[in-house]
């Protein structure tokens, strides 16, 4: 005869169902740890609180469990500036967290979670980039290549951090070759999500190059300073996404939209860096001095402040912002609000570029974002 319930104990039927649920939850925990393990030593004995409600569908419950265990299994990694996280060593200060050669770039993770560093030339070849010959012409170009998360973790195993939030790379721009004195080196600019659902961006290169950068004067590394200016602008844009990024956790649609924004920022950064590299090789010393004096900037900013909504365009070829000013002036900016140059174009040339869809009018949202970027530099009011 079954045990009868009283005020002190649960009924046998309820106990039996609880035992079944307990066994199934144990299996769920084992599966979750197995799928989200941050490293080979990931524990399956850690206590984790999860919430269930009849209001949740089974798919929603699974997504919540997955997100919760990704957080639990992600070690609180100290982000070391200028270094990637090595899942193999569970460290951001091991020998694998930096390239050993000046010209090497981050090419993703190996299956065991160890960062893979390859010569920039080989990196471009592995991505199918057919511009490698431009690295070795008389005035070699600086090239930039964007990589998405999927490509960077393609070989990484789950047990070595594939799904971990410890150092979750969203995407990167790899740049090369930049020259300082007798050095030819590569830079990896990464956007990473931390275990606290915060976006960070950082520039990674070899230790020897870091030392040279500290000592390099502005004149000795003018191309580098223009590149760093572009990466600083991109970093600011990434920081401004952080509030929305944190609130989007667990929301697939919102997270995808924000990821697309991150990748758009990286693509614009790559375009800007390549342009700045070409500009470096074209300029004479006199032209450098004129640029330092910023003679065209004030006129450009004055025109931006008085421009009408129909005077703003996106140059589809160069991915720059064009603002039409007075006296046939066309001012060229990058997406972070930095003035690049001013052109004198006749009306028929502007009309021709519009007909050929090279100059595409900015939407209201794009125009407001651009004006905000200019205003953030303290130049004009929006």
Protein backbone atom coordinates (compact mmCIF):
# COMPACT_ATOMS: atom_id res chain seq x y z
CA UNK A 1 0.00 0.00 0.00
CA UNK A 2 1.40 3.36 -1.01
CA UNK A 3 2.53 5.88 1.50
CA UNK A 4 -0.22 8.40 2.24
CA UNK A 5 0.62 12.08 2.05
CA UNK A 6 0.49 14.23 5.18
CA UNK A 7 1.63 17.79 5.94
CA UNK A 8 5.24 16.67 6.48
CA UNK A 9 6.10 14.83 3.25
CA UNK A 10 5.41 14.72 -0.49
CA UNK A 11 3.15 12.02 -1.98
CA UNK A 12 4.80 8.98 -3.56
CA UNK A 13 3.45 9.85 -7.04
CA UNK A 14 5.01 13.31 -6.83
CA UNK A 15 8.29 11.83 -5.61
CA UNK A 16 8.38 9.44 -8.57
CA UNK A 17 7.84 12.24 -11.07
CA UNK A 18 10.48 14.35 -9.32
CA UNK A 19 13.00 11.48 -9.59
CA UNK A 20 12.32 11.24 -13.33
CA UNK A 21 12.69 14.98 -13.75
CA UNK A 22 15.89 14.92 -11.70
CA UNK A 23 17.41 12.24 -13.93
CA UNK A 24 16.42 14.13 -17.08
CA UNK A 25 17.79 17.40 -15.73
CA UNK A 26 21.07 15.67 -14.92
CA UNK A 27 21.24 14.47 -18.52
CA UNK A 28 20.39 18.00 -19.69
CA UNK A 29 23.24 19.39 -17.58
CA UNK A 30 25.74 16.86 -18.91
CA UNK A 31 24.70 17.64 -22.48
CA UNK A 32 24.88 21.39 -21.88
CA UNK A 33 28.37 21.19 -20.39
CA UNK A 34 29.51 18.92 -23.20
CA UNK A 35 28.22 21.34 -25.85
CA UNK A 36 29.51 24.50 -24.14
CA UNK A 37 32.75 23.35 -22.53
CA UNK A 38 35.37 26.11 -22.46
CA UNK A 39 38.31 23.72 -22.37
CA UNK A 40 39.42 20.11 -21.89
CA UNK A 41 39.11 20.44 -18.12
CA UNK A 42 35.51 21.67 -18.14
CA UNK A 43 33.61 20.38 -15.10
CA UNK A 44 30.21 18.74 -15.15
CA UNK A 45 29.72 18.97 -11.39
CA UNK A 46 29.25 22.72 -11.02
CA UNK A 47 25.83 23.78 -9.74
CA UNK A 48 23.86 25.87 -12.19
CA UNK A 49 20.45 27.47 -11.67
CA UNK A 50 18.05 27.38 -14.58
CA UNK A 51 14.45 28.61 -14.79
CA UNK A 52 11.54 26.73 -16.33
CA UNK A 53 8.04 28.01 -16.97
CA UNK A 54 5.01 26.63 -18.79
CA UNK A 55 4.99 29.89 -20.71
CA UNK A 56 8.20 28.77 -22.47
CA UNK A 57 8.17 26.51 -25.50
CA UNK A 58 10.66 23.65 -25.51
CA UNK A 59 12.80 25.50 -28.07
CA UNK A 60 12.80 28.65 -25.95
CA UNK A 61 13.75 26.62 -22.89
CA UNK A 62 16.62 24.99 -24.81
CA UNK A 63 17.90 28.41 -25.94
CA UNK A 64 17.77 29.73 -22.37
CA UNK A 65 19.66 26.70 -21.06
CA UNK A 66 22.25 27.01 -23.81
CA UNK A 67 22.82 30.71 -23.07
CA UNK A 68 23.06 30.06 -19.32
CA UNK A 69 25.62 27.29 -19.66
CA UNK A 70 27.72 29.28 -22.10
CA UNK A 71 28.05 31.89 -19.36
CA UNK A 72 28.88 29.35 -16.66
CA UNK A 73 31.51 27.52 -18.69
CA UNK A 74 33.17 30.74 -19.81
CA UNK A 75 36.06 31.50 -17.49
CA UNK A 76 36.40 35.11 -16.43
CA UNK A 77 39.30 35.90 -18.74
CA UNK A 78 41.42 38.95 -18.16
CA UNK A 79 41.61 40.62 -21.54
CA UNK A 80 45.23 41.48 -22.08
CA UNK A 81 45.61 44.43 -24.39
CA UNK A 82 47.14 43.43 -27.70
CA UNK A 83 46.83 39.67 -27.08
CA UNK A 84 44.35 36.98 -28.10
CA UNK A 85 43.09 34.33 -25.70
CA UNK A 86 44.58 30.84 -26.05
CA UNK A 87 42.01 28.17 -25.18
CA UNK A 88 44.65 25.45 -25.27
CA UNK A 89 46.55 27.04 -22.37
CA UNK A 90 43.51 28.83 -20.87
CA UNK A 91 45.62 31.99 -20.88
CA UNK A 92 46.04 35.31 -22.63
CA UNK A 93 49.71 35.62 -21.65
CA UNK A 94 51.11 32.34 -22.97
CA UNK A 95 53.52 32.13 -25.88
CA UNK A 96 50.66 31.43 -28.29
CA UNK A 97 48.74 34.66 -27.57
CA UNK A 98 51.03 36.81 -29.74
CA UNK A 99 52.55 36.32 -33.20
CA UNK A 100 56.21 35.34 -33.07
CA UNK A 101 56.96 37.02 -36.42
CA UNK A 102 56.40 40.66 -37.35
CA UNK A 103 54.56 39.83 -40.58
CA UNK A 104 52.21 37.25 -39.07
CA UNK A 105 48.47 37.79 -38.62
CA UNK A 106 45.80 35.94 -36.62
CA UNK A 107 44.17 33.39 -38.91
CA UNK A 108 41.79 31.75 -36.43
CA UNK A 109 41.94 28.91 -33.93
CA UNK A 110 43.38 25.44 -34.41
CA UNK A 111 41.23 22.46 -33.41
CA UNK A 112 42.81 22.44 -29.93
CA UNK A 113 42.02 26.09 -29.32
CA UNK A 114 45.53 27.38 -29.97
CA UNK A 115 45.72 30.63 -31.99
CA UNK A 116 47.04 30.16 -35.52
CA UNK A 117 49.44 32.82 -36.84
CA UNK A 118 50.39 32.94 -40.52
CA UNK A 119 52.38 35.26 -42.75
CA UNK A 120 50.10 38.01 -44.07
CA UNK A 121 50.82 37.00 -47.65
CA UNK A 122 49.71 33.43 -46.92
CA UNK A 123 46.69 34.73 -45.05
CA UNK A 124 45.50 36.59 -48.16
CA UNK A 125 46.15 33.54 -50.33
CA UNK A 126 44.12 31.33 -47.96
CA UNK A 127 41.12 33.67 -48.29
CA UNK A 128 41.34 33.70 -52.08
CA UNK A 129 42.39 37.36 -52.23
CA UNK A 130 43.93 37.96 -55.68
CA UNK A 131 45.65 41.26 -54.82
CA UNK A 132 48.82 39.81 -53.30
CA UNK A 133 50.96 41.10 -56.18
CA UNK A 134 50.17 44.64 -54.99
CA UNK A 135 52.26 43.96 -51.88
CA UNK A 136 55.46 43.80 -53.93
CA UNK A 137 55.20 46.56 -56.52
CA UNK A 138 57.56 49.55 -56.48
CA UNK A 139 55.19 51.49 -54.20
CA UNK A 140 53.55 48.55 -52.35
CA UNK A 141 50.01 48.99 -51.16
CA UNK A 142 48.64 48.38 -47.70
CA UNK A 143 45.86 45.79 -47.98
CA UNK A 144 43.11 44.96 -45.49
CA UNK A 145 40.93 41.86 -45.27
CA UNK A 146 37.81 41.25 -43.17
CA UNK A 147 37.19 37.87 -41.51
CA UNK A 148 33.91 36.76 -39.93
CA UNK A 149 33.66 34.62 -36.81
CA UNK A 150 32.63 31.51 -38.76
CA UNK A 151 35.92 31.44 -40.67
CA UNK A 152 38.02 32.03 -37.55
CA UNK A 153 36.54 29.11 -35.56
CA UNK A 154 36.03 26.68 -38.46
CA UNK A 155 38.57 24.16 -37.09
CA UNK A 156 38.08 24.78 -33.37
CA UNK A 157 36.56 21.95 -31.33
CA UNK A 158 33.77 22.49 -28.82
CA UNK A 159 35.90 21.05 -26.03
CA UNK A 160 38.51 23.70 -26.76
CA UNK A 161 36.33 26.77 -26.61
CA UNK A 162 34.34 26.85 -29.85
CA UNK A 163 31.20 27.97 -27.99
CA UNK A 164 32.85 29.69 -25.08
CA UNK A 165 32.21 33.30 -24.16
CA UNK A 166 35.65 33.73 -22.63
CA UNK A 167 36.97 35.39 -25.79
CA UNK A 168 34.28 35.21 -28.44
CA UNK A 169 35.58 36.83 -31.62
CA UNK A 170 32.86 38.51 -33.71
CA UNK A 171 35.15 39.50 -36.58
CA UNK A 172 38.44 41.11 -37.47
CA UNK A 173 40.34 43.18 -40.02
CA UNK A 174 43.85 42.00 -40.91
CA UNK A 175 46.17 44.68 -42.31
CA UNK A 176 49.54 44.45 -44.05
CA UNK A 177 52.17 45.19 -44.75
CA UNK A 178 52.79 48.32 -42.69
CA UNK A 179 56.38 49.57 -42.69
CA UNK A 180 58.29 51.30 -39.92
CA UNK A 181 62.01 51.79 -40.39
CA UNK A 182 63.22 48.39 -41.61
CA UNK A 183 60.20 46.45 -40.30
CA UNK A 184 57.40 45.04 -42.41
CA UNK A 185 54.57 43.87 -40.21
CA UNK A 186 50.89 42.92 -40.02
CA UNK A 187 48.14 44.05 -37.67
CA UNK A 188 45.01 42.20 -36.57
CA UNK A 189 42.16 44.47 -35.41
CA UNK A 190 39.57 42.36 -33.58
CA UNK A 191 36.09 42.84 -32.15
CA UNK A 192 35.44 40.42 -29.28
CA UNK A 193 32.55 39.64 -26.94
CA UNK A 194 33.58 38.98 -23.33
CA UNK A 195 31.87 36.69 -20.83
CA UNK A 196 30.09 39.77 -19.47
CA UNK A 197 28.44 40.36 -22.89
CA UNK A 198 30.58 43.40 -23.56
CA UNK A 199 32.13 44.25 -26.92
CA UNK A 200 35.78 45.21 -26.95
CA UNK A 201 38.10 46.00 -29.84
CA UNK A 202 41.86 45.78 -29.87
CA UNK A 203 44.87 45.86 -32.15
CA UNK A 204 47.23 42.90 -32.13
CA UNK A 205 50.75 42.69 -33.50
CA UNK A 206 54.14 41.30 -32.44
CA UNK A 207 55.90 42.44 -29.26
CA UNK A 208 58.85 43.82 -31.21
CA UNK A 209 56.55 45.99 -33.29
CA UNK A 210 54.79 47.19 -30.14
CA UNK A 211 58.16 48.37 -28.84
CA UNK A 212 58.90 50.18 -32.11
CA UNK A 213 55.51 51.90 -32.03
CA UNK A 214 56.28 53.39 -28.64
CA UNK A 215 59.46 55.00 -29.98
CA UNK A 216 58.26 55.90 -33.46
CA UNK A 217 57.72 59.60 -34.16
CA UNK A 218 54.69 60.87 -36.06
CA UNK A 219 56.78 61.70 -39.11
CA UNK A 220 58.54 58.33 -39.11
CA UNK A 221 55.24 56.43 -39.05
CA UNK A 222 52.75 58.76 -40.69
CA UNK A 223 50.94 55.91 -42.44
CA UNK A 224 50.66 54.05 -39.16
CA UNK A 225 49.25 57.06 -37.35
CA UNK A 226 46.58 57.44 -40.02
CA UNK A 227 45.75 53.75 -39.66
CA UNK A 228 45.56 54.04 -35.88
CA UNK A 229 43.27 57.03 -36.29
CA UNK A 230 40.94 54.87 -38.37
CA UNK A 231 41.00 52.01 -35.83
CA UNK A 232 40.34 54.45 -32.99
CA UNK A 233 37.29 55.70 -34.86
CA UNK A 234 36.06 52.13 -35.37
CA UNK A 235 36.64 51.37 -31.68
CA UNK A 236 34.44 54.31 -30.74
CA UNK A 237 31.65 53.03 -32.98
CA UNK A 238 31.93 49.57 -31.39
CA UNK A 239 31.74 51.04 -27.88
CA UNK A 240 28.53 52.86 -28.78
CA UNK A 241 26.90 49.50 -29.60
CA UNK A 242 27.53 48.05 -26.14
CA UNK A 243 24.25 48.97 -24.44
CA UNK A 244 22.21 47.49 -27.29
CA UNK A 245 24.52 44.47 -27.46
CA UNK A 246 24.08 43.65 -23.75
CA UNK A 247 20.29 43.98 -23.92
CA UNK A 248 20.12 41.76 -27.01
CA UNK A 249 21.53 38.70 -25.22
CA UNK A 250 19.31 35.71 -25.99
CA UNK A 251 17.41 37.57 -28.74
CA UNK A 252 18.47 36.10 -32.06
CA UNK A 253 17.01 38.74 -34.36
CA UNK A 254 18.44 41.70 -32.44
CA UNK A 255 21.82 40.01 -32.04
CA UNK A 256 22.04 39.30 -35.77
CA UNK A 257 21.24 42.93 -36.61
CA UNK A 258 23.94 44.15 -34.25
CA UNK A 259 26.44 41.62 -35.59
CA UNK A 260 25.75 42.95 -39.08
CA UNK A 261 26.48 46.46 -37.79
CA UNK A 262 29.80 45.29 -36.35
CA UNK A 263 30.77 43.72 -39.67
CA UNK A 264 29.75 46.89 -41.54
CA UNK A 265 32.05 48.90 -39.26
CA UNK A 266 34.87 46.44 -39.98
CA UNK A 267 34.32 46.64 -43.75
CA UNK A 268 34.39 50.43 -43.65
CA UNK A 269 37.54 50.27 -41.53
CA UNK A 270 39.24 48.02 -44.09
CA UNK A 271 38.35 50.44 -46.90
CA UNK A 272 39.57 53.41 -44.88
CA UNK A 273 42.88 51.73 -44.01
CA UNK A 274 43.60 50.84 -47.62
CA UNK A 275 42.89 54.40 -48.70
CA UNK A 276 45.12 55.81 -45.97
CA UNK A 277 47.90 53.45 -47.01
CA UNK A 278 47.69 54.57 -50.65
CA UNK A 279 47.61 58.18 -49.53
CA UNK A 280 50.85 57.66 -47.61
CA UNK A 281 52.76 56.48 -50.63
CA UNK A 282 51.43 59.25 -52.89
CA UNK A 283 52.12 62.19 -50.65
CA UNK A 284 55.14 64.46 -50.78
CA UNK A 285 56.58 66.08 -47.66
CA UNK A 286 54.99 69.39 -48.68
CA UNK A 287 51.61 67.71 -49.04
CA UNK A 288 52.05 66.17 -45.57
CA UNK A 289 52.66 69.62 -44.11
CA UNK A 290 49.57 71.02 -45.82
CA UNK A 291 47.49 68.16 -44.41
CA UNK A 292 48.81 68.81 -40.91
CA UNK A 293 47.63 72.40 -41.22
CA UNK A 294 44.13 71.08 -42.03
CA UNK A 295 43.50 74.00 -44.46
CA UNK A 296 40.44 72.49 -46.22
CA UNK A 297 38.82 71.11 -43.08
CA UNK A 298 37.13 74.25 -41.79
CA UNK A 299 35.56 74.98 -45.17
CA UNK A 300 34.37 71.39 -45.40
CA UNK A 301 32.81 71.46 -41.95
CA UNK A 302 31.13 74.79 -42.67
CA UNK A 303 29.58 73.29 -45.80
CA UNK A 304 28.47 70.20 -43.84
CA UNK A 305 26.71 72.45 -41.35
CA UNK A 306 24.74 74.23 -44.07
CA UNK A 307 24.18 71.30 -46.45
CA UNK A 308 20.64 70.20 -47.29
CA UNK A 309 19.45 66.61 -46.92
CA UNK A 310 19.87 66.03 -50.67
CA UNK A 311 23.56 67.01 -50.57
CA UNK A 312 24.74 63.83 -48.82
CA UNK A 313 25.84 60.78 -50.81
CA UNK A 314 27.57 57.44 -50.36
CA UNK A 315 30.37 56.80 -52.84
CA UNK A 316 29.70 53.10 -53.57
CA UNK A 317 33.14 52.68 -55.15
CA UNK A 318 35.19 53.98 -52.24
CA UNK A 319 32.63 53.55 -49.44
CA UNK A 320 33.12 57.17 -48.39
CA UNK A 321 30.63 59.95 -47.63
CA UNK A 322 30.31 62.81 -50.14
CA UNK A 323 28.91 66.18 -49.05
CA UNK A 324 28.19 68.75 -51.75
CA UNK A 325 29.23 72.28 -50.80
CA UNK A 326 29.33 75.70 -52.39
CA UNK A 327 31.37 76.69 -55.46
CA UNK A 328 31.45 73.12 -56.88
CA UNK A 329 33.16 71.77 -53.76
CA UNK A 330 32.63 68.07 -52.96
CA UNK A 331 33.91 67.09 -49.52
CA UNK A 332 34.94 63.48 -48.89
CA UNK A 333 34.62 61.99 -45.39
CA UNK A 334 34.95 58.50 -43.97
CA UNK A 335 32.10 56.94 -41.99
CA UNK A 336 33.63 58.04 -38.66
CA UNK A 337 33.38 61.73 -39.60
CA UNK A 338 37.03 62.28 -40.56
CA UNK A 339 37.58 64.67 -43.48
CA UNK A 340 39.62 62.97 -46.21
CA UNK A 341 39.84 65.51 -49.00
CA UNK A 342 37.93 68.14 -50.97
CA UNK A 343 37.34 67.86 -54.72
CA UNK A 344 36.23 70.44 -57.26
CA UNK A 345 33.68 68.70 -59.48
CA UNK A 346 31.47 70.18 -62.14
CA UNK A 347 27.74 69.63 -61.95
CA UNK A 348 27.73 67.29 -64.95
CA UNK A 349 30.35 65.03 -63.33
CA UNK A 350 28.30 64.77 -60.16
CA UNK A 351 25.16 64.05 -62.19
CA UNK A 352 27.01 61.38 -64.20
CA UNK A 353 28.16 59.62 -61.02
CA UNK A 354 24.60 59.67 -59.72
CA UNK A 355 23.24 58.19 -62.96
CA UNK A 356 25.84 55.42 -62.81
CA UNK A 357 24.81 54.71 -59.19
CA UNK A 358 28.26 55.52 -57.90
CA UNK A 359 26.89 58.38 -55.78
CA UNK A 360 23.84 57.10 -53.91
CA UNK A 361 21.82 59.51 -51.71
CA UNK A 362 22.11 58.82 -47.99
CA UNK A 363 18.96 57.78 -46.19
CA UNK A 364 17.79 59.97 -43.32
CA UNK A 365 19.20 57.44 -40.85
CA UNK A 366 22.57 57.29 -42.60
CA UNK A 367 22.76 61.08 -42.78
CA UNK A 368 21.95 61.44 -39.07
CA UNK A 369 24.55 58.78 -38.16
CA UNK A 370 27.15 60.60 -40.25
CA UNK A 371 26.34 63.99 -38.72
CA UNK A 372 26.52 62.42 -35.26
CA UNK A 373 29.95 61.02 -36.11
CA UNK A 374 31.13 64.47 -37.22
CA UNK A 375 29.58 66.10 -34.16
CA UNK A 376 31.29 63.57 -31.84
CA UNK A 377 34.57 65.09 -32.97
CA UNK A 378 33.39 68.48 -31.76
CA UNK A 379 33.04 70.09 -35.19
CA UNK A 380 29.38 70.76 -35.93
CA UNK A 381 26.01 70.59 -34.23
CA UNK A 382 23.42 68.09 -35.46
